[in-house]
Amino acid sequence: MNISTFVQLIWLLSAISLIILVLLHSPKGDGIGGIGGQAQLFTSAKSAETTLNRITWALTIIFMGLTVILSAGWLAP
């Protein structure tokens, strides 16, 4: 497995994770709390939404950065 394949794998996993996390967001601010009591893992619904936002932003930055790296051809095939 070369570095290009490894980066593509991370890119794919970040894309799938990002899709799932965006679908977990609730327009009413419920976020994870709207999924049958799973918000009890967090201290409050506000904390759950804040954590979800931070993870989503981190995955967005990773995904966009890897997209630029892969599309620019900076890695040897």
PDB file of N, CA and C in Angstrom:
ATOM      1  N   MET A   1       0.860  -1.173   0.000  1.00  0.00           N
ATOM      2  CA  MET A   1       0.000   0.000   0.000  1.00  0.00           C
ATOM      3  C   MET A   1       0.906   1.236   0.000  1.00  0.00           C
ATOM      4  N   ASN A   2       0.766   2.063  -1.027  1.00  0.00           N
ATOM      5  CA  ASN A   2       1.576   3.276  -1.087  1.00  0.00           C
ATOM      6  C   ASN A   2       0.840   4.444  -0.435  1.00  0.00           C
ATOM      7  N   ILE A   3       1.519   5.579  -0.379  1.00  0.00           N
ATOM      8  CA  ILE A   3       0.971   6.738   0.329  1.00  0.00           C
ATOM      9  C   ILE A   3      -0.292   7.265  -0.349  1.00  0.00           C
ATOM     10  N   SER A   4      -0.363   7.192  -1.660  1.00  0.00           N
ATOM     11  CA  SER A   4      -1.536   7.674  -2.387  1.00  0.00           C
ATOM     12  C   SER A   4      -2.778   6.852  -2.036  1.00  0.00           C
ATOM     13  N   THR A   5      -2.634   5.556  -1.969  1.00  0.00           N
ATOM     14  CA  THR A   5      -3.753   4.688  -1.601  1.00  0.00           C
ATOM     15  C   THR A   5      -4.193   4.938  -0.167  1.00  0.00           C
ATOM     16  N   PHE A   6      -3.227   5.137   0.713  1.00  0.00           N
ATOM     17  CA  PHE A   6      -3.530   5.411   2.120  1.00  0.00           C
ATOM     18  C   PHE A   6      -4.296   6.731   2.265  1.00  0.00           C
ATOM     19  N   VAL A   7      -3.873   7.761   1.548  1.00  0.00           N
ATOM     20  CA  VAL A   7      -4.560   9.062   1.611  1.00  0.00           C
ATOM     21  C   VAL A   7      -5.958   8.945   1.017  1.00  0.00           C
ATOM     22  N   GLN A   8      -6.112   8.176  -0.050  1.00  0.00           N
ATOM     23  CA  GLN A   8      -7.436   7.976  -0.640  1.00  0.00           C
ATOM     24  C   GLN A   8      -8.372   7.249   0.328  1.00  0.00           C
ATOM     25  N   LEU A   9      -7.833   6.312   1.085  1.00  0.00           N
ATOM     26  CA  LEU A   9      -8.631   5.594   2.073  1.00  0.00           C
ATOM     27  C   LEU A   9      -9.098   6.534   3.185  1.00  0.00           C
ATOM     28  N   ILE A  10      -8.205   7.377   3.673  1.00  0.00           N
ATOM     29  CA  ILE A  10      -8.586   8.357   4.695  1.00  0.00           C
ATOM     30  C   ILE A  10      -9.616   9.332   4.136  1.00  0.00           C
ATOM     31  N   TRP A  11      -9.431   9.744   2.875  1.00  0.00           N
ATOM     32  CA  TRP A  11     -10.366  10.653   2.210  1.00  0.00           C
ATOM     33  C   TRP A  11     -11.759  10.029   2.111  1.00  0.00           C
ATOM     34  N   LEU A  12     -11.814   8.753   1.745  1.00  0.00           N
ATOM     35  CA  LEU A  12     -13.097   8.057   1.629  1.00  0.00           C
ATOM     36  C   LEU A  12     -13.778   7.924   2.989  1.00  0.00           C
ATOM     37  N   LEU A  13     -13.024   7.552   4.007  1.00  0.00           N
ATOM     38  CA  LEU A  13     -13.600   7.423   5.352  1.00  0.00           C
ATOM     39  C   LEU A  13     -14.081   8.759   5.893  1.00  0.00           C
ATOM     40  N   SER A  14     -13.342   9.828   5.618  1.00  0.00           N
ATOM     41  CA  SER A  14     -13.782  11.137   6.083  1.00  0.00           C
ATOM     42  C   SER A  14     -15.049  11.577   5.343  1.00  0.00           C
ATOM     43  N   ALA A  15     -15.163  11.244   4.070  1.00  0.00           N
ATOM     44  CA  ALA A  15     -16.361  11.597   3.301  1.00  0.00           C
ATOM     45  C   ALA A  15     -17.597  10.875   3.836  1.00  0.00           C
ATOM     46  N   ILE A  16     -17.468   9.595   4.096  1.00  0.00           N
ATOM     47  CA  ILE A  16     -18.604   8.822   4.608  1.00  0.00           C
ATOM     48  C   ILE A  16     -18.988   9.301   6.006  1.00  0.00           C
ATOM     49  N   SER A  17     -17.981   9.536   6.840  1.00  0.00           N
ATOM     50  CA  SER A  17     -18.254  10.028   8.197  1.00  0.00           C
ATOM     51  C   SER A  17     -18.906  11.403   8.166  1.00  0.00           C
ATOM     52  N   LEU A  18     -18.458  12.240   7.255  1.00  0.00           N
ATOM     53  CA  LEU A  18     -19.030  13.577   7.135  1.00  0.00           C
ATOM     54  C   LEU A  18     -20.495  13.521   6.717  1.00  0.00           C
ATOM     55  N   ILE A  19     -20.827  12.640   5.802  1.00  0.00           N
ATOM     56  CA  ILE A  19     -22.221  12.477   5.379  1.00  0.00           C
ATOM     57  C   ILE A  19     -23.085  12.037   6.566  1.00  0.00           C
ATOM     58  N   ILE A  20     -22.604  11.076   7.318  1.00  0.00           N
ATOM     59  CA  ILE A  20     -23.368  10.578   8.467  1.00  0.00           C
ATOM     60  C   ILE A  20     -23.554  11.673   9.513  1.00  0.00           C
ATOM     61  N   LEU A  21     -22.495  12.417   9.813  1.00  0.00           N
ATOM     62  CA  LEU A  21     -22.598  13.467  10.827  1.00  0.00           C
ATOM     63  C   LEU A  21     -23.517  14.600  10.394  1.00  0.00           C
ATOM     64  N   VAL A  22     -23.482  14.954   9.126  1.00  0.00           N
ATOM     65  CA  VAL A  22     -24.382  16.007   8.647  1.00  0.00           C
ATOM     66  C   VAL A  22     -25.830  15.550   8.754  1.00  0.00           C
ATOM     67  N   LEU A  23     -26.079  14.277   8.492  1.00  0.00           N
ATOM     68  CA  LEU A  23     -27.445  13.765   8.618  1.00  0.00           C
ATOM     69  C   LEU A  23     -27.905  13.698  10.077  1.00  0.00           C
ATOM     70  N   LEU A  24     -26.971  13.617  11.012  1.00  0.00           N
ATOM     71  CA  LEU A  24     -27.337  13.607  12.427  1.00  0.00           C
ATOM     72  C   LEU A  24     -27.741  14.979  12.949  1.00  0.00           C
ATOM     73  N   HIS A  25     -27.322  16.029  12.265  1.00  0.00           N
ATOM     74  CA  HIS A  25     -27.683  17.370  12.699  1.00  0.00           C
ATOM     75  C   HIS A  25     -29.190  17.568  12.567  1.00  0.00           C
ATOM     76  N   SER A  26     -29.731  18.278  13.516  1.00  0.00           N
ATOM     77  CA  SER A  26     -31.154  18.574  13.475  1.00  0.00           C
ATOM     78  C   SER A  26     -31.338  20.074  13.270  1.00  0.00           C
ATOM     79  N   PRO A  27     -32.266  20.468  12.401  1.00  0.00           N
ATOM     80  CA  PRO A  27     -32.479  21.897  12.182  1.00  0.00           C
ATOM     81  C   PRO A  27     -33.074  22.603  13.404  1.00  0.00           C
ATOM     82  N   LYS A  28     -33.647  21.857  14.325  1.00  0.00           N
ATOM     83  CA  LYS A  28     -34.244  22.441  15.519  1.00  0.00           C
ATOM     84  C   LYS A  28     -33.248  22.527  16.671  1.00  0.00           C
ATOM     85  N   GLY A  29     -32.044  22.069  16.459  1.00  0.00           N
ATOM     86  CA  GLY A  29     -31.048  22.098  17.514  1.00  0.00           C
ATOM     87  C   GLY A  29     -31.056  20.847  18.381  1.00  0.00           C
ATOM     88  N   ASP A  30     -31.869  19.859  18.008  1.00  0.00           N
ATOM     89  CA  ASP A  30     -31.900  18.623  18.779  1.00  0.00           C
ATOM     90  C   ASP A  30     -30.646  17.794  18.537  1.00  0.00           C
ATOM     91  N   GLY A  31     -30.186  17.787  17.298  1.00  0.00           N
ATOM     92  CA  GLY A  31     -28.983  17.037  16.963  1.00  0.00           C
ATOM     93  C   GLY A  31     -29.094  15.572  17.326  1.00  0.00           C
ATOM     94  N   ILE A  32     -28.143  15.079  18.073  1.00  0.00           N
ATOM     95  CA  ILE A  32     -28.127  13.678  18.468  1.00  0.00           C
ATOM     96  C   ILE A  32     -29.278  13.375  19.426  1.00  0.00           C
ATOM     97  N   GLY A  33     -29.764  14.380  20.127  1.00  0.00           N
ATOM     98  CA  GLY A  33     -30.844  14.174  21.089  1.00  0.00           C
ATOM     99  C   GLY A  33     -32.129  13.679  20.450  1.00  0.00           C
ATOM    100  N   GLY A  34     -32.283  13.883  19.160  1.00  0.00           N
ATOM    101  CA  GLY A  34     -33.486  13.437  18.488  1.00  0.00           C
ATOM    102  C   GLY A  34     -33.476  11.961  18.124  1.00  0.00           C
ATOM    103  N   ILE A  35     -32.435  11.256  18.474  1.00  0.00           N
ATOM    104  CA  ILE A  35     -32.314   9.848  18.091  1.00  0.00           C
ATOM    105  C   ILE A  35     -32.572   8.969  19.303  1.00  0.00           C
ATOM    106  N   GLY A  36     -33.727   8.977  19.795  1.00  0.00           N
ATOM    107  CA  GLY A  36     -34.140   8.037  20.832  1.00  0.00           C
ATOM    108  C   GLY A  36     -33.261   7.925  22.059  1.00  0.00           C
ATOM    109  N   GLY A  37     -32.948   9.038  22.669  1.00  0.00           N
ATOM    110  CA  GLY A  37     -32.292   8.996  23.966  1.00  0.00           C
ATOM    111  C   GLY A  37     -30.799   8.797  23.942  1.00  0.00           C
ATOM    112  N   GLN A  38     -30.177   8.911  22.808  1.00  0.00           N
ATOM    113  CA  GLN A  38     -28.730   8.732  22.772  1.00  0.00           C
ATOM    114  C   GLN A  38     -27.993   9.959  23.275  1.00  0.00           C
ATOM    115  N   ALA A  39     -28.696  11.056  23.499  1.00  0.00           N
ATOM    116  CA  ALA A  39     -28.040  12.256  24.007  1.00  0.00           C
ATOM    117  C   ALA A  39     -27.642  12.088  25.469  1.00  0.00           C
ATOM    118  N   GLN A  40     -28.060  11.007  26.117  1.00  0.00           N
ATOM    119  CA  GLN A  40     -27.662  10.779  27.496  1.00  0.00           C
ATOM    120  C   GLN A  40     -26.189  10.438  27.598  1.00  0.00           C
ATOM    121  N   LEU A  41     -25.538  10.184  26.476  1.00  0.00           N
ATOM    122  CA  LEU A  41     -24.103   9.978  26.491  1.00  0.00           C
ATOM    123  C   LEU A  41     -23.380  11.285  26.803  1.00  0.00           C
ATOM    124  N   PHE A  42     -24.050  12.394  26.533  1.00  0.00           N
ATOM    125  CA  PHE A  42     -23.473  13.702  26.774  1.00  0.00           C
ATOM    126  C   PHE A  42     -24.157  14.326  27.986  1.00  0.00           C
ATOM    127  N   THR A  43     -23.581  15.409  28.510  1.00  0.00           N
ATOM    128  CA  THR A  43     -24.164  16.022  29.703  1.00  0.00           C
ATOM    129  C   THR A  43     -25.461  16.753  29.401  1.00  0.00           C
ATOM    130  N   SER A  44     -25.566  17.301  28.208  1.00  0.00           N
ATOM    131  CA  SER A  44     -26.792  17.998  27.827  1.00  0.00           C
ATOM    132  C   SER A  44     -26.923  17.997  26.308  1.00  0.00           C
ATOM    133  N   ALA A  45     -28.091  18.412  25.848  1.00  0.00           N
ATOM    134  CA  ALA A  45     -28.310  18.466  24.403  1.00  0.00           C
ATOM    135  C   ALA A  45     -27.410  19.523  23.779  1.00  0.00           C
ATOM    136  N   LYS A  46     -27.174  20.613  24.505  1.00  0.00           N
ATOM    137  CA  LYS A  46     -26.291  21.677  24.006  1.00  0.00           C
ATOM    138  C   LYS A  46     -24.861  21.143  23.851  1.00  0.00           C
ATOM    139  N   SER A  47     -24.421  20.365  24.818  1.00  0.00           N
ATOM    140  CA  SER A  47     -23.089  19.773  24.751  1.00  0.00           C
ATOM    141  C   SER A  47     -22.985  18.802  23.577  1.00  0.00           C
ATOM    142  N   ALA A  48     -24.027  18.042  23.351  1.00  0.00           N
ATOM    143  CA  ALA A  48     -24.032  17.093  22.238  1.00  0.00           C
ATOM    144  C   ALA A  48     -23.946  17.827  20.907  1.00  0.00           C
ATOM    145  N   GLU A  49     -24.691  18.905  20.782  1.00  0.00           N
ATOM    146  CA  GLU A  49     -24.677  19.667  19.534  1.00  0.00           C
ATOM    147  C   GLU A  49     -23.316  20.338  19.319  1.00  0.00           C
ATOM    148  N   THR A  50     -22.724  20.847  20.377  1.00  0.00           N
ATOM    149  CA  THR A  50     -21.408  21.476  20.272  1.00  0.00           C
ATOM    150  C   THR A  50     -20.356  20.455  19.851  1.00  0.00           C
ATOM    151  N   THR A  51     -20.393  19.280  20.453  1.00  0.00           N
ATOM    152  CA  THR A  51     -19.453  18.222  20.095  1.00  0.00           C
ATOM    153  C   THR A  51     -19.658  17.779  18.651  1.00  0.00           C
ATOM    154  N   LEU A  52     -20.896  17.640  18.241  1.00  0.00           N
ATOM    155  CA  LEU A  52     -21.208  17.251  16.867  1.00  0.00           C
ATOM    156  C   LEU A  52     -20.702  18.296  15.877  1.00  0.00           C
ATOM    157  N   ASN A  53     -20.859  19.574  16.211  1.00  0.00           N
ATOM    158  CA  ASN A  53     -20.373  20.650  15.347  1.00  0.00           C
ATOM    159  C   ASN A  53     -18.856  20.619  15.217  1.00  0.00           C
ATOM    160  N   ARG A  54     -18.151  20.403  16.323  1.00  0.00           N
ATOM    161  CA  ARG A  54     -16.690  20.377  16.280  1.00  0.00           C
ATOM    162  C   ARG A  54     -16.173  19.199  15.451  1.00  0.00           C
ATOM    163  N   ILE A  55     -16.774  18.048  15.624  1.00  0.00           N
ATOM    164  CA  ILE A  55     -16.346  16.874  14.860  1.00  0.00           C
ATOM    165  C   ILE A  55     -16.640  17.079  13.374  1.00  0.00           C
ATOM    166  N   THR A  56     -17.793  17.664  13.070  1.00  0.00           N
ATOM    167  CA  THR A  56     -18.168  17.926  11.680  1.00  0.00           C
ATOM    168  C   THR A  56     -17.195  18.893  11.024  1.00  0.00           C
ATOM    169  N   TRP A  57     -16.843  19.962  11.719  1.00  0.00           N
ATOM    170  CA  TRP A  57     -15.888  20.924  11.168  1.00  0.00           C
ATOM    171  C   TRP A  57     -14.513  20.292  10.968  1.00  0.00           C
ATOM    172  N   ALA A  58     -14.065  19.479  11.909  1.00  0.00           N
ATOM    173  CA  ALA A  58     -12.766  18.819  11.778  1.00  0.00           C
ATOM    174  C   ALA A  58     -12.753  17.895  10.562  1.00  0.00           C
ATOM    175  N   LEU A  59     -13.813  17.117  10.390  1.00  0.00           N
ATOM    176  CA  LEU A  59     -13.889  16.218   9.228  1.00  0.00           C
ATOM    177  C   LEU A  59     -13.986  16.998   7.917  1.00  0.00           C
ATOM    178  N   THR A  60     -14.648  18.147   7.946  1.00  0.00           N
ATOM    179  CA  THR A  60     -14.747  18.987   6.755  1.00  0.00           C
ATOM    180  C   THR A  60     -13.366  19.489   6.341  1.00  0.00           C
ATOM    181  N   ILE A  61     -12.590  19.946   7.314  1.00  0.00           N
ATOM    182  CA  ILE A  61     -11.241  20.437   7.018  1.00  0.00           C
ATOM    183  C   ILE A  61     -10.360  19.308   6.482  1.00  0.00           C
ATOM    184  N   ILE A  62     -10.444  18.137   7.099  1.00  0.00           N
ATOM    185  CA  ILE A  62      -9.669  16.979   6.627  1.00  0.00           C
ATOM    186  C   ILE A  62     -10.076  16.611   5.206  1.00  0.00           C
ATOM    187  N   PHE A  63     -11.386  16.530   4.963  1.00  0.00           N
ATOM    188  CA  PHE A  63     -11.887  16.148   3.642  1.00  0.00           C
ATOM    189  C   PHE A  63     -11.459  17.151   2.572  1.00  0.00           C
ATOM    190  N   MET A  64     -11.625  18.442   2.845  1.00  0.00           N
ATOM    191  CA  MET A  64     -11.272  19.462   1.857  1.00  0.00           C
ATOM    192  C   MET A  64      -9.762  19.506   1.610  1.00  0.00           C
ATOM    193  N   GLY A  65      -8.970  19.357   2.672  1.00  0.00           N
ATOM    194  CA  GLY A  65      -7.524  19.347   2.511  1.00  0.00           C
ATOM    195  C   GLY A  65      -7.050  18.179   1.671  1.00  0.00           C
ATOM    196  N   LEU A  66      -7.588  17.002   1.954  1.00  0.00           N
ATOM    197  CA  LEU A  66      -7.210  15.823   1.168  1.00  0.00           C
ATOM    198  C   LEU A  66      -7.711  15.912  -0.263  1.00  0.00           C
ATOM    199  N   THR A  67      -8.842  16.575  -0.475  1.00  0.00           N
ATOM    200  CA  THR A  67      -9.351  16.767  -1.829  1.00  0.00           C
ATOM    201  C   THR A  67      -8.374  17.606  -2.643  1.00  0.00           C
ATOM    202  N   VAL A  68      -7.867  18.672  -2.027  1.00  0.00           N
ATOM    203  CA  VAL A  68      -6.892  19.518  -2.727  1.00  0.00           C
ATOM    204  C   VAL A  68      -5.612  18.738  -3.013  1.00  0.00           C
ATOM    205  N   ILE A  69      -5.117  18.000  -2.032  1.00  0.00           N
ATOM    206  CA  ILE A  69      -3.882  17.237  -2.202  1.00  0.00           C
ATOM    207  C   ILE A  69      -4.031  16.181  -3.300  1.00  0.00           C
ATOM    208  N   LEU A  70      -5.144  15.465  -3.291  1.00  0.00           N
ATOM    209  CA  LEU A  70      -5.344  14.411  -4.294  1.00  0.00           C
ATOM    210  C   LEU A  70      -5.603  14.967  -5.684  1.00  0.00           C
ATOM    211  N   SER A  71      -6.353  16.068  -5.773  1.00  0.00           N
ATOM    212  CA  SER A  71      -6.661  16.615  -7.096  1.00  0.00           C
ATOM    213  C   SER A  71      -5.473  17.343  -7.719  1.00  0.00           C
ATOM    214  N   ALA A  72      -4.578  17.867  -6.891  1.00  0.00           N
ATOM    215  CA  ALA A  72      -3.412  18.578  -7.411  1.00  0.00           C
ATOM    216  C   ALA A  72      -2.341  17.615  -7.914  1.00  0.00           C
ATOM    217  N   GLY A  73      -2.437  16.362  -7.532  1.00  0.00           N
ATOM    218  CA  GLY A  73      -1.473  15.363  -7.969  1.00  0.00           C
ATOM    219  C   GLY A  73      -0.131  15.492  -7.261  1.00  0.00           C
ATOM    220  N   TRP A  74      -0.139  15.975  -6.035  1.00  0.00           N
ATOM    221  CA  TRP A  74       1.097  16.166  -5.274  1.00  0.00           C
ATOM    222  C   TRP A  74       1.672  14.853  -4.761  1.00  0.00           C
ATOM    223  N   LEU A  75       0.893  13.789  -4.793  1.00  0.00           N
ATOM    224  CA  LEU A  75       1.375  12.493  -4.345  1.00  0.00           C
ATOM    225  C   LEU A  75       1.738  11.640  -5.559  1.00  0.00           C
ATOM    226  N   ALA A  76       2.790  10.908  -5.436  1.00  0.00           N
ATOM    227  CA  ALA A  76       3.192  10.038  -6.545  1.00  0.00           C
ATOM    228  C   ALA A  76       2.215   8.873  -6.652  1.00  0.00           C
ATOM    229  N   PRO A  77       1.772   8.545  -7.873  1.00  0.00           N
ATOM    230  CA  PRO A  77       0.818   7.431  -8.027  1.00  0.00           C
ATOM    231  C   PRO A  77       1.398   6.075  -7.745  1.00  0.00           C
TER     232      PRO A  77
END
